[in-house]
Amino acid sequence: MSRTRPLWLLAGGTAVAALMVGAGGYVLVKPYLMPPDFEGPGSGTVTVEIDEGATAGEIASVLAGAGVVASARSFIRVTEEQARESSLRPGRFRLRRGMSAAEALELLTAPESRLVRRVVVPEGLRLPELLDRLAAGTGMRRAGFARAAADRERLGLPSYARSAEGFLFPATYEVEPGMTPEDLLAAMVERYKRAAAELDLEARAARRRLTPLEAVTVASILQAEGGRDADYPKIARVIYNRIKAGTPLQLDTTVLYAQRRRTLRVTDKDTEVRSPYNTYRRRGVPPGPIANPGEKALRAALHPDQGDWLWFVTIDPEHRITKFTDKESEFVRYREDLNSYLGTR
């Protein structure tokens, strides 16, 4: 004799089974629907490093491993919800432990959280001084910078450059994690190239019957003379007037470069130094830059003022007061004013 179960019992059993399957499924998918997440902004500090090209998932794993977020999935979820994966950047970041995923994402995309070293390279530094500055500002070894500076081809120097001197553009540079001395110097050369292109340096130098190297060399002299920015075009005119007249430039800055010295006092004996950079003994522009010029000096070398000046003297270096003249008697008087300032009269 067969026995049948009531329909309501069958239906009830099916419902219970479905409920059990549903409950088990929820337990399985809960970490994806509601992944573990901290609450609030967190506390303390922790530094994390995000590699170039890292995906949101890889970044999430780094954050979870450092204890910044409760789970990688929570960070992925909030990143997807806010469609901000494209806002994520490589670098080192200062975050906090125990942060909500939303707080972590917000802080990770805030510029102030990104830890980068910035090194400021002022105008007018000579190559050895510039390498010292970079080593001190980046924490990298100076020897590495010296080796990189000697590799003309790998730095991407322009064809007319004899060395890195003059072509490491002064500016503020950000030093990313993993950056090498060669990377930084190459970035400086690239920045010079952009400035040269914007100034149309090669074409404008040719109009003045200068090679590009000579134009950069003149700019380096203007920068080294240390006057006010407004004086650069006037100093350039003095240089070009003296070249046209066949008169030696007679610049103390080039003599000091030859001697590897920094001083305001140059003696007659100093001007006898045997060097192609001694513009007291050698006519024309020196064989190469004596410093690394900035954009204003480069522009002035290409756009000199109009005037008949043949001499200039910075009579008050502290206040950068420079006098210009086309009369030798006035020049002698200006030199006496400078000697008085220096206490060497």
Protein backbone atom coordinates (compact mmCIF):
# COMPACT_ATOMS: atom_id res chain seq x y z
CA MET A 1 0.00 0.00 0.00
CA SER A 2 1.52 3.32 -1.03
CA ARG A 3 1.56 6.30 1.24
CA THR A 4 1.29 9.87 0.10
CA ARG A 5 2.45 13.01 1.88
CA PRO A 6 0.24 16.05 2.18
CA LEU A 7 1.01 18.75 -0.35
CA TRP A 8 1.52 21.31 2.39
CA LEU A 9 4.21 19.12 3.93
CA LEU A 10 6.03 18.81 0.63
CA ALA A 11 5.82 22.51 0.05
CA GLY A 12 7.06 23.21 3.55
CA GLY A 13 10.01 20.87 3.15
CA THR A 14 10.95 22.51 -0.13
CA ALA A 15 10.79 25.93 1.46
CA VAL A 16 13.01 24.85 4.33
CA ALA A 17 15.53 23.37 1.93
CA ALA A 18 15.51 26.52 -0.18
CA LEU A 19 16.02 28.62 2.92
CA MET A 20 18.96 26.48 3.99
CA VAL A 21 20.53 26.74 0.52
CA GLY A 22 19.92 30.48 0.53
CA ALA A 23 21.48 30.91 3.96
CA GLY A 24 24.53 28.92 2.94
CA GLY A 25 24.89 30.91 -0.27
CA TYR A 26 24.67 34.20 1.65
CA VAL A 27 27.43 33.05 3.96
CA LEU A 28 29.55 32.28 0.91
CA VAL A 29 28.91 35.57 -0.92
CA LYS A 30 28.81 37.85 2.14
CA PRO A 31 32.56 38.67 1.97
CA TYR A 32 31.94 39.94 -1.56
CA LEU A 33 28.70 41.77 -0.83
CA MET A 34 29.83 43.16 2.53
CA PRO A 35 33.59 42.67 2.86
CA PRO A 36 35.19 43.36 6.26
CA ASP A 37 35.85 47.06 6.68
CA PHE A 38 37.15 49.28 9.46
CA GLU A 39 35.28 52.36 10.57
CA GLY A 40 36.68 55.86 10.80
CA PRO A 41 39.97 57.51 9.86
CA GLY A 42 42.29 55.08 11.65
CA SER A 43 45.26 56.01 13.82
CA GLY A 44 49.04 56.10 13.83
CA THR A 45 51.01 56.26 10.60
CA VAL A 46 52.22 53.73 8.11
CA THR A 47 54.07 54.24 4.84
CA VAL A 48 53.06 52.17 1.83
CA GLU A 49 54.66 52.03 -1.59
CA ILE A 50 52.59 51.64 -4.75
CA ASP A 51 54.45 50.34 -7.78
CA GLU A 52 54.16 51.82 -11.24
CA GLY A 53 51.31 50.18 -13.14
CA ALA A 54 49.78 48.52 -10.06
CA THR A 55 46.08 47.63 -10.44
CA ALA A 56 43.43 48.50 -7.87
CA GLY A 57 43.51 44.87 -6.74
CA GLU A 58 47.27 44.92 -6.24
CA ILE A 59 47.06 48.21 -4.37
CA ALA A 60 44.27 46.79 -2.21
CA SER A 61 46.47 43.83 -1.29
CA VAL A 62 49.30 46.18 -0.29
CA LEU A 63 46.95 48.23 1.91
CA ALA A 64 45.45 45.14 3.55
CA GLY A 65 48.90 43.68 4.16
CA ALA A 66 49.99 46.88 5.87
CA GLY A 67 46.92 46.93 8.11
CA VAL A 68 45.57 50.09 6.51
CA VAL A 69 42.26 48.49 5.47
CA ALA A 70 40.46 45.49 6.91
CA SER A 71 40.34 43.63 3.61
CA ALA A 72 41.50 44.04 0.05
CA ARG A 73 37.94 43.49 -1.18
CA SER A 74 36.62 46.46 0.82
CA PHE A 75 39.08 48.77 -0.94
CA ILE A 76 38.33 47.30 -4.36
CA ARG A 77 34.62 47.69 -3.73
CA VAL A 78 34.77 51.37 -2.77
CA THR A 79 37.18 52.12 -5.63
CA GLU A 80 34.77 50.54 -8.12
CA GLU A 81 31.73 52.23 -6.58
CA GLN A 82 33.38 55.65 -6.88
CA ALA A 83 34.95 54.85 -10.27
CA ARG A 84 38.32 56.19 -9.05
CA GLU A 85 40.78 53.55 -10.18
CA SER A 86 42.24 56.04 -12.68
CA SER A 87 43.00 58.41 -9.79
CA LEU A 88 45.43 55.97 -8.17
CA ARG A 89 49.10 56.86 -8.63
CA PRO A 90 52.42 55.14 -7.94
CA GLY A 91 54.69 56.39 -5.18
CA ARG A 92 55.16 56.31 -1.44
CA PHE A 93 52.23 57.40 0.73
CA ARG A 94 51.75 58.19 4.40
CA LEU A 95 48.50 56.59 5.57
CA ARG A 96 47.04 55.34 8.88
CA ARG A 97 46.30 51.88 10.24
CA GLY A 98 42.72 50.74 10.71
CA MET A 99 41.14 53.09 8.18
CA SER A 100 37.83 52.56 6.47
CA ALA A 101 38.29 51.75 2.82
CA ALA A 102 36.62 55.03 1.83
CA GLU A 103 38.95 57.03 4.09
CA ALA A 104 41.97 55.13 2.73
CA LEU A 105 40.96 55.86 -0.86
CA GLU A 106 40.46 59.53 -0.05
CA LEU A 107 43.86 59.84 1.60
CA LEU A 108 45.61 57.79 -1.08
CA THR A 109 44.43 60.22 -3.76
CA ALA A 110 45.24 63.36 -1.76
CA PRO A 111 48.41 65.10 -3.03
CA GLU A 112 49.65 65.86 0.50
CA SER A 113 49.78 62.13 1.33
CA ARG A 114 52.28 61.38 -1.40
CA LEU A 115 55.83 61.25 -0.11
CA VAL A 116 58.24 62.57 -2.72
CA ARG A 117 61.59 64.18 -2.31
CA ARG A 118 61.86 67.55 -3.95
CA VAL A 119 65.25 68.95 -4.80
CA VAL A 120 65.63 72.59 -5.77
CA VAL A 121 68.38 73.38 -8.25
CA PRO A 122 69.02 77.15 -8.42
CA GLU A 123 70.35 78.94 -11.47
CA GLY A 124 74.06 79.47 -11.87
CA LEU A 125 75.51 76.38 -10.20
CA ARG A 126 78.59 74.86 -11.76
CA LEU A 127 78.45 71.15 -12.49
CA PRO A 128 80.36 69.98 -9.36
CA GLU A 129 78.20 72.24 -7.17
CA LEU A 130 75.06 70.96 -8.85
CA LEU A 131 76.03 67.33 -8.27
CA ASP A 132 76.68 68.13 -4.60
CA ARG A 133 73.21 69.67 -4.37
CA LEU A 134 71.54 66.67 -5.97
CA ALA A 135 73.34 64.17 -3.76
CA ALA A 136 72.40 66.09 -0.60
CA GLY A 137 68.80 66.60 -1.72
CA THR A 138 68.07 63.07 -2.87
CA GLY A 139 70.15 60.93 -0.55
CA MET A 140 71.76 59.24 -3.55
CA ARG A 141 75.52 58.86 -3.81
CA ARG A 142 77.40 61.69 -5.47
CA ALA A 143 79.60 59.20 -7.28
CA GLY A 144 76.48 57.91 -9.04
CA PHE A 145 75.65 61.41 -10.24
CA ALA A 146 79.24 61.94 -11.39
CA ARG A 147 79.18 58.73 -13.44
CA ALA A 148 75.80 59.62 -14.93
CA ALA A 149 76.93 63.15 -15.81
CA ALA A 150 79.89 61.74 -17.75
CA ASP A 151 77.68 59.59 -19.99
CA ARG A 152 76.70 62.09 -22.71
CA GLU A 153 74.78 59.63 -24.87
CA ARG A 154 72.63 58.11 -22.14
CA LEU A 155 71.79 61.56 -20.76
CA GLY A 156 70.45 62.56 -24.16
CA LEU A 157 72.54 65.71 -24.37
CA PRO A 158 72.05 67.80 -27.52
CA SER A 159 74.59 67.13 -30.26
CA TYR A 160 76.27 70.50 -29.73
CA ALA A 161 76.93 69.95 -26.00
CA ARG A 162 80.48 69.07 -25.04
CA SER A 163 79.51 67.98 -21.54
CA ALA A 164 76.62 68.18 -19.10
CA GLU A 165 77.84 71.61 -17.93
CA GLY A 166 75.25 74.18 -18.96
CA PHE A 167 72.55 71.68 -19.92
CA LEU A 168 71.21 70.56 -16.53
CA PHE A 169 68.28 72.92 -16.32
CA PRO A 170 67.76 74.62 -12.94
CA ALA A 171 64.29 73.94 -11.52
CA THR A 172 62.51 72.03 -8.76
CA TYR A 173 62.47 68.29 -9.39
CA GLU A 174 60.46 65.51 -7.76
CA VAL A 175 62.44 62.38 -7.00
CA GLU A 176 60.24 59.30 -7.26
CA PRO A 177 60.98 55.99 -5.51
CA GLY A 178 63.34 53.92 -7.62
CA MET A 179 64.64 56.91 -9.53
CA THR A 180 68.36 56.74 -10.33
CA PRO A 181 70.93 59.54 -10.71
CA GLU A 182 70.84 58.94 -14.45
CA ASP A 183 67.02 59.31 -14.47
CA LEU A 184 67.19 62.64 -12.67
CA LEU A 185 69.99 64.09 -14.81
CA ALA A 186 68.21 62.94 -17.96
CA ALA A 187 65.07 64.72 -16.75
CA MET A 188 67.10 67.90 -16.28
CA VAL A 189 68.52 67.64 -19.80
CA GLU A 190 65.03 67.05 -21.16
CA ARG A 191 63.84 70.16 -19.31
CA TYR A 192 66.65 72.14 -20.96
CA LYS A 193 65.59 70.86 -24.37
CA ARG A 194 62.02 72.01 -23.78
CA ALA A 195 63.23 75.48 -22.80
CA ALA A 196 65.54 75.62 -25.82
CA ALA A 197 62.69 74.62 -28.13
CA GLU A 198 60.35 77.21 -26.63
CA LEU A 199 63.02 79.88 -27.11
CA ASP A 200 63.84 78.64 -30.63
CA LEU A 201 67.43 78.69 -29.43
CA GLU A 202 69.19 77.15 -32.42
CA ALA A 203 67.56 79.41 -35.00
CA ARG A 204 67.92 82.57 -32.94
CA ALA A 205 71.54 81.79 -32.15
CA ALA A 206 72.24 81.42 -35.87
CA ARG A 207 70.73 84.86 -36.51
CA ARG A 208 73.36 86.28 -34.15
CA ARG A 209 76.06 84.25 -35.86
CA LEU A 210 76.44 82.09 -32.80
CA THR A 211 76.46 78.33 -32.51
CA PRO A 212 73.91 76.90 -30.05
CA LEU A 213 76.81 76.06 -27.71
CA GLU A 214 78.04 79.66 -27.84
CA ALA A 215 74.55 80.94 -27.06
CA VAL A 216 74.31 78.68 -23.98
CA THR A 217 77.83 79.73 -22.98
CA VAL A 218 76.86 83.42 -23.16
CA ALA A 219 73.74 82.64 -21.09
CA SER A 220 75.90 80.90 -18.49
CA ILE A 221 78.10 84.00 -18.23
CA LEU A 222 75.07 86.23 -17.75
CA GLN A 223 73.87 83.88 -15.01
CA ALA A 224 77.29 83.73 -13.35
CA GLU A 225 77.67 87.50 -13.25
CA GLY A 226 74.93 87.56 -10.63
CA GLY A 227 73.22 90.81 -11.55
CA ARG A 228 69.52 91.51 -11.59
CA ASP A 229 67.36 89.79 -14.18
CA ALA A 230 66.86 93.12 -15.97
CA ASP A 231 70.65 93.42 -16.37
CA TYR A 232 71.05 90.19 -18.34
CA PRO A 233 70.14 91.66 -21.77
CA LYS A 234 72.53 94.57 -21.14
CA ILE A 235 75.40 92.27 -20.19
CA ALA A 236 74.69 90.25 -23.32
CA ARG A 237 74.97 93.43 -25.38
CA VAL A 238 78.35 94.24 -23.76
CA ILE A 239 79.60 90.76 -24.70
CA TYR A 240 78.44 91.06 -28.30
CA ASN A 241 79.82 94.59 -28.65
CA ARG A 242 83.23 93.47 -27.43
CA ILE A 243 83.22 90.44 -29.73
CA LYS A 244 82.35 92.68 -32.67
CA ALA A 245 85.15 95.08 -31.73
CA GLY A 246 87.63 92.21 -31.44
CA THR A 247 88.24 93.06 -27.79
CA PRO A 248 88.77 90.31 -25.18
CA LEU A 249 85.73 89.94 -22.92
CA GLN A 250 87.87 90.29 -19.77
CA LEU A 251 85.38 88.59 -17.47
CA ASP A 252 86.33 87.70 -13.91
CA THR A 253 83.69 84.95 -13.83
CA THR A 254 85.41 82.95 -16.57
CA VAL A 255 88.78 83.29 -14.84
CA LEU A 256 87.29 82.06 -11.59
CA TYR A 257 85.71 79.13 -13.42
CA ALA A 258 89.12 78.20 -14.77
CA GLN A 259 90.51 78.35 -11.23
CA ARG A 260 87.53 76.51 -9.73
CA ARG A 261 87.08 79.30 -7.23
CA ARG A 262 84.26 81.46 -5.92
CA THR A 263 85.25 84.95 -4.81
CA LEU A 264 84.61 88.62 -5.54
CA ARG A 265 88.31 89.42 -5.48
CA VAL A 266 90.26 88.80 -8.69
CA THR A 267 93.86 89.99 -8.89
CA ASP A 268 96.02 90.80 -11.88
CA LYS A 269 97.89 87.56 -11.25
CA ASP A 270 94.61 85.64 -11.47
CA THR A 271 94.00 87.04 -14.93
CA GLU A 272 97.22 85.44 -16.15
CA VAL A 273 96.00 81.87 -15.57
CA ARG A 274 96.64 79.63 -18.57
CA SER A 275 93.22 78.39 -19.60
CA PRO A 276 90.89 78.64 -22.62
CA TYR A 277 88.40 80.11 -20.14
CA ASN A 278 90.66 83.07 -19.39
CA THR A 279 88.87 85.78 -21.35
CA TYR A 280 91.59 88.29 -20.45
CA ARG A 281 94.07 86.38 -22.64
CA ARG A 282 91.73 84.76 -25.15
CA ARG A 283 89.30 86.58 -27.44
CA GLY A 284 85.75 85.48 -28.08
CA VAL A 285 83.35 83.26 -26.17
CA PRO A 286 84.88 80.56 -23.93
CA PRO A 287 84.78 76.97 -25.23
CA GLY A 288 81.77 76.03 -23.13
CA PRO A 289 79.34 77.08 -20.40
CA ILE A 290 80.68 78.12 -17.01
CA ALA A 291 77.43 77.40 -15.14
CA ASN A 292 73.94 76.06 -15.70
CA PRO A 293 71.75 78.97 -16.83
CA GLY A 294 68.01 79.38 -16.36
CA GLU A 295 65.39 80.52 -18.84
CA LYS A 296 65.84 84.27 -18.24
CA ALA A 297 69.55 84.12 -18.96
CA LEU A 298 68.98 81.98 -22.05
CA ARG A 299 66.37 84.42 -23.30
CA ALA A 300 68.67 87.41 -22.69
CA ALA A 301 71.50 85.76 -24.63
CA LEU A 302 69.15 85.52 -27.61
CA HIS A 303 67.47 88.91 -27.10
CA PRO A 304 70.15 91.43 -25.96
CA ASP A 305 69.32 95.07 -25.33
CA GLN A 306 70.40 97.76 -27.77
CA GLY A 307 73.29 99.95 -26.62
CA ASP A 308 76.92 100.93 -27.13
CA TRP A 309 78.19 99.67 -23.77
CA LEU A 310 81.61 98.04 -23.68
CA TRP A 311 82.02 97.61 -19.92
CA PHE A 312 79.93 96.73 -16.92
CA VAL A 313 80.78 96.50 -13.23
CA THR A 314 78.64 95.21 -10.39
CA ILE A 315 79.62 97.93 -7.94
CA ASP A 316 77.44 96.59 -5.10
CA PRO A 317 77.22 92.77 -5.23
CA GLU A 318 75.05 92.56 -2.10
CA HIS A 319 72.30 94.63 -3.73
CA ARG A 320 73.23 93.50 -7.25
CA ILE A 321 73.72 97.02 -8.55
CA THR A 322 75.47 97.00 -11.91
CA LYS A 323 76.69 99.98 -13.94
CA PHE A 324 77.17 100.04 -17.72
CA THR A 325 79.26 102.39 -19.83
CA ASP A 326 80.91 102.90 -23.19
CA LYS A 327 83.65 105.09 -21.67
CA GLU A 328 86.79 103.54 -20.23
CA SER A 329 87.20 106.42 -17.73
CA GLU A 330 83.78 105.61 -16.24
CA PHE A 331 84.66 101.94 -16.16
CA VAL A 332 87.83 102.72 -14.16
CA ARG A 333 85.74 104.72 -11.72
CA TYR A 334 83.23 101.90 -11.36
CA ARG A 335 86.05 99.46 -10.65
CA GLU A 336 87.28 101.78 -7.91
CA ASP A 337 83.76 101.79 -6.45
CA LEU A 338 83.81 97.98 -6.42
CA ASN A 339 87.27 97.89 -4.82
CA SER A 340 86.00 100.29 -2.18
CA TYR A 341 83.06 97.98 -1.54
CA LEU A 342 85.40 95.01 -1.25
CA GLY A 343 87.86 96.92 0.93
CA THR A 344 90.72 96.35 -1.51
CA ARG A 345 91.22 99.93 -2.60
